[in-house]
PDB file of all heavy atoms in Angstrom:
ATOM      1  N   ILE A   1      29.590 -19.286 -36.096  1.00  0.00           N
ATOM      2  CA  ILE A   1      28.513 -18.801 -36.955  1.00  0.00           C
ATOM      3  C   ILE A   1      27.531 -17.991 -36.114  1.00  0.00           C
ATOM      4  O   ILE A   1      27.036 -18.462 -35.087  1.00  0.00           O
ATOM      5  CB  ILE A   1      27.777 -19.971 -37.632  1.00  0.00           C
ATOM      6  CG1 ILE A   1      28.758 -20.849 -38.410  1.00  0.00           C
ATOM      7  CG2 ILE A   1      26.669 -19.465 -38.543  1.00  0.00           C
ATOM      8  CD1 ILE A   1      28.147 -22.093 -38.999  1.00  0.00           C
ATOM      9  N   GLY A   2      27.256 -16.774 -36.531  1.00  0.00           N
ATOM     10  CA  GLY A   2      26.236 -15.985 -35.870  1.00  0.00           C
ATOM     11  C   GLY A   2      26.662 -15.300 -34.592  1.00  0.00           C
ATOM     12  O   GLY A   2      25.817 -14.716 -33.893  1.00  0.00           O
ATOM     13  N   LEU A   3      27.950 -15.321 -34.254  1.00  0.00           N
ATOM     14  CA  LEU A   3      28.470 -14.637 -33.075  1.00  0.00           C
ATOM     15  C   LEU A   3      29.795 -13.982 -33.427  1.00  0.00           C
ATOM     16  O   LEU A   3      30.602 -14.558 -34.172  1.00  0.00           O
ATOM     17  CB  LEU A   3      28.680 -15.611 -31.910  1.00  0.00           C
ATOM     18  CG  LEU A   3      27.439 -16.267 -31.298  1.00  0.00           C
ATOM     19  CD1 LEU A   3      27.844 -17.352 -30.316  1.00  0.00           C
ATOM     20  CD2 LEU A   3      26.552 -15.233 -30.624  1.00  0.00           C
ATOM     21  N   ASP A   4      30.045 -12.793 -32.876  1.00  0.00           N
ATOM     22  CA  ASP A   4      31.341 -12.163 -33.112  1.00  0.00           C
ATOM     23  C   ASP A   4      32.344 -12.627 -32.067  1.00  0.00           C
ATOM     24  O   ASP A   4      32.063 -13.520 -31.256  1.00  0.00           O
ATOM     25  CB  ASP A   4      31.214 -10.637 -33.140  1.00  0.00           C
ATOM     26  CG  ASP A   4      30.806 -10.051 -31.781  1.00  0.00           C
ATOM     27  OD1 ASP A   4      30.863 -10.771 -30.758  1.00  0.00           O
ATOM     28  OD2 ASP A   4      30.426  -8.860 -31.741  1.00  0.00           O
ATOM     29  N   GLU A   5      33.537 -12.020 -32.057  1.00  0.00           N
ATOM     30  CA  GLU A   5      34.606 -12.449 -31.178  1.00  0.00           C
ATOM     31  C   GLU A   5      34.253 -12.278 -29.709  1.00  0.00           C
ATOM     32  O   GLU A   5      34.802 -12.965 -28.836  1.00  0.00           O
ATOM     33  CB  GLU A   5      35.900 -11.681 -31.492  1.00  0.00           C
ATOM     34  CG  GLU A   5      36.487 -11.953 -32.873  1.00  0.00           C
ATOM     35  CD  GLU A   5      35.740 -11.203 -33.982  1.00  0.00           C
ATOM     36  OE1 GLU A   5      34.831 -10.385 -33.649  1.00  0.00           O
ATOM     37  OE2 GLU A   5      36.036 -11.432 -35.164  1.00  0.00           O
ATOM     38  N   GLU A   6      33.345 -11.357 -29.390  1.00  0.00           N
ATOM     39  CA  GLU A   6      32.938 -11.107 -28.013  1.00  0.00           C
ATOM     40  C   GLU A   6      31.684 -11.887 -27.618  1.00  0.00           C
ATOM     41  O   GLU A   6      31.176 -11.719 -26.500  1.00  0.00           O
ATOM     42  CB  GLU A   6      32.683  -9.607 -27.809  1.00  0.00           C
ATOM     43  CG  GLU A   6      33.893  -8.730 -28.086  1.00  0.00           C
ATOM     44  CD  GLU A   6      35.031  -9.017 -27.126  1.00  0.00           C
ATOM     45  OE1 GLU A   6      34.744  -9.317 -25.950  1.00  0.00           O
ATOM     46  OE2 GLU A   6      36.201  -8.959 -27.553  1.00  0.00           O
ATOM     47  N   GLY A   7      31.178 -12.703 -28.524  1.00  0.00           N
ATOM     48  CA  GLY A   7      29.973 -13.462 -28.229  1.00  0.00           C
ATOM     49  C   GLY A   7      28.687 -12.721 -28.491  1.00  0.00           C
ATOM     50  O   GLY A   7      27.602 -13.201 -28.134  1.00  0.00           O
ATOM     51  N   ASN A   8      28.761 -11.545 -29.135  1.00  0.00           N
ATOM     52  CA  ASN A   8      27.556 -10.788 -29.469  1.00  0.00           C
ATOM     53  C   ASN A   8      26.938 -11.337 -30.753  1.00  0.00           C
ATOM     54  O   ASN A   8      27.660 -11.736 -31.677  1.00  0.00           O
ATOM     55  CB  ASN A   8      27.896  -9.309 -29.649  1.00  0.00           C
ATOM     56  CG  ASN A   8      28.481  -8.704 -28.389  1.00  0.00           C
ATOM     57  OD1 ASN A   8      27.925  -8.855 -27.306  1.00  0.00           O
ATOM     58  ND2 ASN A   8      29.615  -8.020 -28.526  1.00  0.00           N
ATOM     59  N   PRO A   9      25.598 -11.360 -30.843  1.00  0.00           N
ATOM     60  CA  PRO A   9      24.960 -11.989 -32.007  1.00  0.00           C
ATOM     61  C   PRO A   9      25.142 -11.200 -33.295  1.00  0.00           C
ATOM     62  O   PRO A   9      25.124  -9.968 -33.298  1.00  0.00           O
ATOM     63  CB  PRO A   9      23.475 -12.041 -31.608  1.00  0.00           C
ATOM     64  CG  PRO A   9      23.324 -10.975 -30.573  1.00  0.00           C
ATOM     65  CD  PRO A   9      24.621 -10.902 -29.845  1.00  0.00           C
ATOM     66  N   LEU A  10      25.334 -11.932 -34.373  1.00  0.00           N
ATOM     67  CA  LEU A  10      25.308 -11.407 -35.732  1.00  0.00           C
ATOM     68  C   LEU A  10      24.133 -12.053 -36.459  1.00  0.00           C
ATOM     69  O   LEU A  10      23.776 -13.202 -36.164  1.00  0.00           O
ATOM     70  CB  LEU A  10      26.621 -11.723 -36.459  1.00  0.00           C
ATOM     71  CG  LEU A  10      27.879 -11.060 -35.899  1.00  0.00           C
ATOM     72  CD1 LEU A  10      29.131 -11.653 -36.536  1.00  0.00           C
ATOM     73  CD2 LEU A  10      27.840  -9.557 -36.113  1.00  0.00           C
ATOM     74  N   PRO A  11      23.502 -11.356 -37.393  1.00  0.00           N
ATOM     75  CA  PRO A  11      22.289 -11.903 -38.017  1.00  0.00           C
ATOM     76  C   PRO A  11      22.587 -13.131 -38.875  1.00  0.00           C
ATOM     77  O   PRO A  11      23.545 -13.151 -39.641  1.00  0.00           O
ATOM     78  CB  PRO A  11      21.777 -10.743 -38.873  1.00  0.00           C
ATOM     79  CG  PRO A  11      22.985  -9.889 -39.135  1.00  0.00           C
ATOM     80  CD  PRO A  11      23.841 -10.004 -37.910  1.00  0.00           C
ATOM     81  N   ILE A  12      21.756 -14.144 -38.712  1.00  0.00           N
ATOM     82  CA  ILE A  12      21.796 -15.315 -39.591  1.00  0.00           C
ATOM     83  C   ILE A  12      20.613 -15.211 -40.534  1.00  0.00           C
ATOM     84  O   ILE A  12      19.450 -15.295 -40.111  1.00  0.00           O
ATOM     85  CB  ILE A  12      21.752 -16.625 -38.793  1.00  0.00           C
ATOM     86  CG1 ILE A  12      23.008 -16.743 -37.912  1.00  0.00           C
ATOM     87  CG2 ILE A  12      21.649 -17.820 -39.731  1.00  0.00           C
ATOM     88  CD1 ILE A  12      23.047 -17.996 -37.079  1.00  0.00           C
ATOM     89  N   VAL A  13      20.901 -14.992 -41.802  1.00  0.00           N
ATOM     90  CA  VAL A  13      19.848 -14.752 -42.792  1.00  0.00           C
ATOM     91  C   VAL A  13      19.061 -16.029 -43.061  1.00  0.00           C
ATOM     92  O   VAL A  13      17.828 -16.042 -43.037  1.00  0.00           O
ATOM     93  CB  VAL A  13      20.462 -14.201 -44.096  1.00  0.00           C
ATOM     94  CG1 VAL A  13      19.374 -13.975 -45.134  1.00  0.00           C
ATOM     95  CG2 VAL A  13      21.238 -12.918 -43.815  1.00  0.00           C
ATOM     96  N   ALA A  14      19.761 -17.112 -43.314  1.00  0.00           N
ATOM     97  CA  ALA A  14      19.106 -18.384 -43.633  1.00  0.00           C
ATOM     98  C   ALA A  14      20.134 -19.494 -43.537  1.00  0.00           C
ATOM     99  O   ALA A  14      21.353 -19.254 -43.549  1.00  0.00           O
ATOM    100  CB  ALA A  14      18.485 -18.345 -45.035  1.00  0.00           C
ATOM    101  N   GLY A  15      19.642 -20.709 -43.433  1.00  0.00           N
ATOM    102  CA  GLY A  15      20.549 -21.841 -43.356  1.00  0.00           C
ATOM    103  C   GLY A  15      19.820 -23.149 -43.583  1.00  0.00           C
ATOM    104  O   GLY A  15      18.585 -23.224 -43.548  1.00  0.00           O
ATOM    105  N   ALA A  16      20.601 -24.187 -43.809  1.00  0.00           N
ATOM    106  CA  ALA A  16      20.057 -25.529 -44.019  1.00  0.00           C
ATOM    107  C   ALA A  16      21.025 -26.548 -43.449  1.00  0.00           C
ATOM    108  O   ALA A  16      22.249 -26.348 -43.458  1.00  0.00           O
ATOM    109  CB  ALA A  16      19.821 -25.796 -45.503  1.00  0.00           C
ATOM    110  N   ARG A  17      20.454 -27.640 -42.942  1.00  0.00           N
ATOM    111  CA  ARG A  17      21.269 -28.761 -42.453  1.00  0.00           C
ATOM    112  C   ARG A  17      20.599 -30.056 -42.888  1.00  0.00           C
ATOM    113  O   ARG A  17      19.391 -30.243 -42.699  1.00  0.00           O
ATOM    114  CB  ARG A  17      21.388 -28.717 -40.931  1.00  0.00           C
ATOM    115  CG  ARG A  17      22.171 -29.914 -40.355  1.00  0.00           C
ATOM    116  CD  ARG A  17      22.222 -29.862 -38.835  1.00  0.00           C
ATOM    117  NE  ARG A  17      20.895 -29.837 -38.261  1.00  0.00           N
ATOM    118  CZ  ARG A  17      20.542 -29.083 -37.220  1.00  0.00           C
ATOM    119  NH1 ARG A  17      21.413 -28.287 -36.654  1.00  0.00           N
ATOM    120  NH2 ARG A  17      19.294 -29.117 -36.762  1.00  0.00           N
ATOM    121  N   TYR A  18      21.380 -30.932 -43.470  1.00  0.00           N
ATOM    122  CA  TYR A  18      20.879 -32.244 -43.887  1.00  0.00           C
ATOM    123  C   TYR A  18      21.706 -33.310 -43.181  1.00  0.00           C
ATOM    124  O   TYR A  18      22.948 -33.235 -43.136  1.00  0.00           O
ATOM    125  CB  TYR A  18      20.994 -32.413 -45.406  1.00  0.00           C
ATOM    126  CG  TYR A  18      20.622 -33.796 -45.893  1.00  0.00           C
ATOM    127  CD1 TYR A  18      19.282 -34.159 -46.047  1.00  0.00           C
ATOM    128  CD2 TYR A  18      21.605 -34.740 -46.180  1.00  0.00           C
ATOM    129  CE1 TYR A  18      18.930 -35.431 -46.481  1.00  0.00           C
ATOM    130  CE2 TYR A  18      21.265 -36.014 -46.624  1.00  0.00           C
ATOM    131  CZ  TYR A  18      19.928 -36.356 -46.765  1.00  0.00           C
ATOM    132  OH  TYR A  18      19.579 -37.610 -47.189  1.00  0.00           O
ATOM    133  N   VAL A  19      21.021 -34.317 -42.622  1.00  0.00           N
ATOM    134  CA  VAL A  19      21.703 -35.398 -41.903  1.00  0.00           C
ATOM    135  C   VAL A  19      21.122 -36.727 -42.348  1.00  0.00           C
ATOM    136  O   VAL A  19      19.890 -36.893 -42.419  1.00  0.00           O
ATOM    137  CB  VAL A  19      21.547 -35.233 -40.376  1.00  0.00           C
ATOM    138  CG1 VAL A  19      22.056 -36.473 -39.651  1.00  0.00           C
ATOM    139  CG2 VAL A  19      22.291 -34.005 -39.891  1.00  0.00           C
ATOM    140  N   TYR A  20      22.004 -37.663 -42.648  1.00  0.00           N
ATOM    141  CA  TYR A  20      21.616 -39.028 -43.006  1.00  0.00           C
ATOM    142  C   TYR A  20      22.333 -39.985 -42.052  1.00  0.00           C
ATOM    143  O   TYR A  20      23.554 -39.906 -41.877  1.00  0.00           O
ATOM    144  CB  TYR A  20      22.009 -39.348 -44.450  1.00  0.00           C
ATOM    145  CG  TYR A  20      21.768 -40.785 -44.853  1.00  0.00           C
ATOM    146  CD1 TYR A  20      20.558 -41.169 -45.434  1.00  0.00           C
ATOM    147  CD2 TYR A  20      22.740 -41.761 -44.653  1.00  0.00           C
ATOM    148  CE1 TYR A  20      20.334 -42.490 -45.807  1.00  0.00           C
ATOM    149  CE2 TYR A  20      22.530 -43.088 -45.019  1.00  0.00           C
ATOM    150  CZ  TYR A  20      21.325 -43.444 -45.594  1.00  0.00           C
ATOM    151  OH  TYR A  20      21.089 -44.749 -45.955  1.00  0.00           O
ATOM    152  N   ARG A  21      21.569 -40.883 -41.436  1.00  0.00           N
ATOM    153  CA  ARG A  21      22.141 -41.887 -40.534  1.00  0.00           C
ATOM    154  C   ARG A  21      21.608 -43.253 -40.908  1.00  0.00           C
ATOM    155  O   ARG A  21      20.401 -43.421 -41.144  1.00  0.00           O
ATOM    156  CB  ARG A  21      21.796 -41.585 -39.072  1.00  0.00           C
ATOM    157  CG  ARG A  21      22.415 -40.303 -38.514  1.00  0.00           C
ATOM    158  CD  ARG A  21      22.057 -40.123 -37.045  1.00  0.00           C
ATOM    159  NE  ARG A  21      22.569 -38.906 -36.459  1.00  0.00           N
ATOM    160  CZ  ARG A  21      23.747 -38.780 -35.873  1.00  0.00           C
ATOM    161  NH1 ARG A  21      24.565 -39.821 -35.818  1.00  0.00           N
ATOM    162  NH2 ARG A  21      24.132 -37.632 -35.346  1.00  0.00           N
ATOM    163  N   SER A  22      22.493 -44.250 -40.949  1.00  0.00           N
ATOM    164  CA  SER A  22      22.077 -45.614 -41.235  1.00  0.00           C
ATOM    165  C   SER A  22      23.047 -46.571 -40.546  1.00  0.00           C
ATOM    166  O   SER A  22      24.007 -46.153 -39.895  1.00  0.00           O
ATOM    167  CB  SER A  22      22.059 -45.875 -42.746  1.00  0.00           C
ATOM    168  OG  SER A  22      23.379 -45.958 -43.255  1.00  0.00           O
ATOM    169  N   VAL A  23      22.797 -47.849 -40.726  1.00  0.00           N
ATOM    170  CA  VAL A  23      23.666 -48.855 -40.123  1.00  0.00           C
ATOM    171  C   VAL A  23      25.070 -48.772 -40.708  1.00  0.00           C
ATOM    172  O   VAL A  23      26.065 -48.963 -40.012  1.00  0.00           O
ATOM    173  CB  VAL A  23      23.077 -50.267 -40.341  1.00  0.00           C
ATOM    174  CG1 VAL A  23      24.024 -51.334 -39.821  1.00  0.00           C
ATOM    175  CG2 VAL A  23      21.720 -50.383 -39.657  1.00  0.00           C
ATOM    176  N   GLN A  24      25.185 -48.441 -41.998  1.00  0.00           N
ATOM    177  CA  GLN A  24      26.485 -48.450 -42.661  1.00  0.00           C
ATOM    178  C   GLN A  24      27.213 -47.114 -42.567  1.00  0.00           C
ATOM    179  O   GLN A  24      28.446 -47.086 -42.457  1.00  0.00           O
ATOM    180  CB  GLN A  24      26.337 -48.820 -44.146  1.00  0.00           C
ATOM    181  CG  GLN A  24      25.905 -50.248 -44.411  1.00  0.00           C
ATOM    182  CD  GLN A  24      24.405 -50.443 -44.247  1.00  0.00           C
ATOM    183  OE1 GLN A  24      23.629 -49.485 -44.365  1.00  0.00           O
ATOM    184  NE2 GLN A  24      24.003 -51.662 -43.957  1.00  0.00           N
ATOM    185  N   ARG A  25      26.479 -45.998 -42.627  1.00  0.00           N
ATOM    186  CA  ARG A  25      27.171 -44.720 -42.762  1.00  0.00           C
ATOM    187  C   ARG A  25      26.329 -43.587 -42.200  1.00  0.00           C
ATOM    188  O   ARG A  25      25.100 -43.695 -42.070  1.00  0.00           O
ATOM    189  CB  ARG A  25      27.499 -44.442 -44.226  1.00  0.00           C
ATOM    190  CG  ARG A  25      26.285 -44.324 -45.126  1.00  0.00           C
ATOM    191  CD  ARG A  25      26.670 -44.283 -46.601  1.00  0.00           C
ATOM    192  NE  ARG A  25      27.344 -45.496 -47.007  1.00  0.00           N
ATOM    193  CZ  ARG A  25      26.704 -46.594 -47.420  1.00  0.00           C
ATOM    194  NH1 ARG A  25      25.387 -46.622 -47.451  1.00  0.00           N
ATOM    195  NH2 ARG A  25      27.381 -47.654 -47.786  1.00  0.00           N
ATOM    196  N   ASN A  26      27.008 -42.494 -41.880  1.00  0.00           N
ATOM    197  CA  ASN A  26      26.369 -41.259 -41.437  1.00  0.00           C
ATOM    198  C   ASN A  26      27.010 -40.108 -42.204  1.00  0.00           C
ATOM    199  O   ASN A  26      28.239 -40.061 -42.330  1.00  0.00           O
ATOM    200  CB  ASN A  26      26.567 -41.045 -39.937  1.00  0.00           C
ATOM    201  CG  ASN A  26      26.086 -42.205 -39.098  1.00  0.00           C
ATOM    202  OD1 ASN A  26      24.902 -42.487 -39.042  1.00  0.00           O
ATOM    203  ND2 ASN A  26      27.015 -42.907 -38.450  1.00  0.00           N
ATOM    204  N   TYR A  27      26.196 -39.216 -42.726  1.00  0.00           N
ATOM    205  CA  TYR A  27      26.778 -38.045 -43.381  1.00  0.00           C
ATOM    206  C   TYR A  27      25.805 -36.880 -43.294  1.00  0.00           C
ATOM    207  O   TYR A  27      24.611 -37.049 -42.992  1.00  0.00           O
ATOM    208  CB  TYR A  27      27.179 -38.337 -44.830  1.00  0.00           C
ATOM    209  CG  TYR A  27      26.079 -38.834 -45.732  1.00  0.00           C
ATOM    210  CD1 TYR A  27      25.181 -37.957 -46.344  1.00  0.00           C
ATOM    211  CD2 TYR A  27      25.958 -40.200 -46.009  1.00  0.00           C
ATOM    212  CE1 TYR A  27      24.191 -38.415 -47.189  1.00  0.00           C
ATOM    213  CE2 TYR A  27      24.965 -40.670 -46.853  1.00  0.00           C
ATOM    214  CZ  TYR A  27      24.088 -39.774 -47.445  1.00  0.00           C
ATOM    215  OH  TYR A  27      23.101 -40.230 -48.276  1.00  0.00           O
ATOM    216  N   GLY A  28      26.327 -35.693 -43.540  1.00  0.00           N
ATOM    217  CA  GLY A  28      25.473 -34.519 -43.457  1.00  0.00           C
ATOM    218  C   GLY A  28      26.175 -33.287 -43.975  1.00  0.00           C
ATOM    219  O   GLY A  28      27.383 -33.292 -44.250  1.00  0.00           O
ATOM    220  N   GLY A  29      25.413 -32.221 -44.110  1.00  0.00           N
ATOM    221  CA  GLY A  29      25.958 -30.958 -44.585  1.00  0.00           C
ATOM    222  C   GLY A  29      25.237 -29.787 -43.949  1.00  0.00           C
ATOM    223  O   GLY A  29      24.070 -29.890 -43.560  1.00  0.00           O
ATOM    224  N   ILE A  30      25.951 -28.681 -43.804  1.00  0.00           N
ATOM    225  CA  ILE A  30      25.397 -27.435 -43.276  1.00  0.00           C
ATOM    226  C   ILE A  30      25.760 -26.312 -44.231  1.00  0.00           C
ATOM    227  O   ILE A  30      26.913 -26.215 -44.671  1.00  0.00           O
ATOM    228  CB  ILE A  30      25.956 -27.116 -41.876  1.00  0.00           C
ATOM    229  CG1 ILE A  30      25.546 -28.191 -40.864  1.00  0.00           C
ATOM    230  CG2 ILE A  30      25.475 -25.747 -41.397  1.00  0.00           C
ATOM    231  CD1 ILE A  30      26.160 -27.989 -39.486  1.00  0.00           C
ATOM    232  N   LEU A  31      24.783 -25.468 -44.531  1.00  0.00           N
ATOM    233  CA  LEU A  31      25.013 -24.271 -45.348  1.00  0.00           C
ATOM    234  C   LEU A  31      24.334 -23.111 -44.638  1.00  0.00           C
ATOM    235  O   LEU A  31      23.128 -23.149 -44.393  1.00  0.00           O
ATOM    236  CB  LEU A  31      24.449 -24.454 -46.752  1.00  0.00           C
ATOM    237  CG  LEU A  31      24.658 -23.283 -47.733  1.00  0.00           C
ATOM    238  CD1 LEU A  31      26.148 -23.079 -48.003  1.00  0.00           C
ATOM    239  CD2 LEU A  31      23.907 -23.535 -49.040  1.00  0.00           C
ATOM    240  N   MET A  32      25.111 -22.080 -44.279  1.00  0.00           N
ATOM    241  CA  MET A  32      24.570 -20.949 -43.521  1.00  0.00           C
ATOM    242  C   MET A  32      25.030 -19.641 -44.156  1.00  0.00           C
ATOM    243  O   MET A  32      26.172 -19.531 -44.634  1.00  0.00           O
ATOM    244  CB  MET A  32      25.043 -20.978 -42.063  1.00  0.00           C
ATOM    245  CG  MET A  32      24.744 -22.258 -41.304  1.00  0.00           C
ATOM    246  SD  MET A  32      22.987 -22.531 -40.975  1.00  0.00           S
ATOM    247  CE  MET A  32      22.636 -21.197 -39.840  1.00  0.00           C
ATOM    248  N   ARG A  33      24.137 -18.656 -44.124  1.00  0.00           N
ATOM    249  CA  ARG A  33      24.452 -17.312 -44.601  1.00  0.00           C
ATOM    250  C   ARG A  33      24.330 -16.350 -43.426  1.00  0.00           C
ATOM    251  O   ARG A  33      23.251 -16.181 -42.850  1.00  0.00           O
ATOM    252  CB  ARG A  33      23.498 -16.893 -45.712  1.00  0.00           C
ATOM    253  CG  ARG A  33      23.682 -15.458 -46.200  1.00  0.00           C
ATOM    254  CD  ARG A  33      25.035 -15.225 -46.848  1.00  0.00           C
ATOM    255  NE  ARG A  33      25.114 -13.877 -47.427  1.00  0.00           N
ATOM    256  CZ  ARG A  33      26.194 -13.384 -48.014  1.00  0.00           C
ATOM    257  NH1 ARG A  33      27.296 -14.124 -48.109  1.00  0.00           N
ATOM    258  NH2 ARG A  33      26.179 -12.155 -48.521  1.00  0.00           N
ATOM    259  N   GLN A  34      25.446 -15.753 -43.062  1.00  0.00           N
ATOM    260  CA  GLN A  34      25.494 -14.795 -41.960  1.00  0.00           C
ATOM    261  C   GLN A  34      25.533 -13.386 -42.518  1.00  0.00           C
ATOM    262  O   GLN A  34      26.359 -13.055 -43.373  1.00  0.00           O
ATOM    263  CB  GLN A  34      26.736 -15.055 -41.103  1.00  0.00           C
ATOM    264  CG  GLN A  34      26.967 -14.061 -39.990  1.00  0.00           C
ATOM    265  CD  GLN A  34      28.263 -14.352 -39.265  1.00  0.00           C
ATOM    266  OE1 GLN A  34      28.400 -15.362 -38.583  1.00  0.00           O
ATOM    267  NE2 GLN A  34      29.253 -13.478 -39.430  1.00  0.00           N
ATOM    268  N   GLY A  35      24.634 -12.540 -42.049  1.00  0.00           N
ATOM    269  CA  GLY A  35      24.605 -11.159 -42.498  1.00  0.00           C
ATOM    270  C   GLY A  35      25.701 -10.330 -41.847  1.00  0.00           C
ATOM    271  O   GLY A  35      26.371 -10.762 -40.916  1.00  0.00           O
ATOM    272  N   GLY A  36      25.859  -9.133 -42.324  1.00  0.00           N
ATOM    273  CA  GLY A  36      26.880  -8.243 -41.799  1.00  0.00           C
ATOM    274  C   GLY A  36      26.298  -7.121 -40.965  1.00  0.00           C
ATOM    275  O   GLY A  36      25.082  -6.991 -40.813  1.00  0.00           O
ATOM    276  N   ASP A  37      27.183  -6.295 -40.409  1.00  0.00           N
ATOM    277  CA  ASP A  37      26.783  -5.083 -39.708  1.00  0.00           C
ATOM    278  C   ASP A  37      27.837  -4.017 -39.990  1.00  0.00           C
ATOM    279  O   ASP A  37      28.602  -4.131 -40.957  1.00  0.00           O
ATOM    280  CB  ASP A  37      26.594  -5.333 -38.208  1.00  0.00           C
ATOM    281  CG  ASP A  37      27.857  -5.835 -37.521  1.00  0.00           C
ATOM    282  OD1 ASP A  37      28.958  -5.725 -38.107  1.00  0.00           O
ATOM    283  OD2 ASP A  37      27.757  -6.324 -36.383  1.00  0.00           O
ATOM    284  N   ALA A  38      27.926  -3.002 -39.156  1.00  0.00           N
ATOM    285  CA  ALA A  38      28.829  -1.888 -39.431  1.00  0.00           C
ATOM    286  C   ALA A  38      30.290  -2.300 -39.448  1.00  0.00           C
ATOM    287  O   ALA A  38      31.108  -1.663 -40.119  1.00  0.00           O
ATOM    288  CB  ALA A  38      28.610  -0.784 -38.387  1.00  0.00           C
TER     289      ALA A  38
END
């Protein structure tokens, strides 16, 4: 996310990450929007 094949940066427009941790369970989610270029 946010890098091309050569390791050059690509724009990240916005994103979110949610993480829940407890004694019984751990879960989470990531949603990211990567912009384009030429």
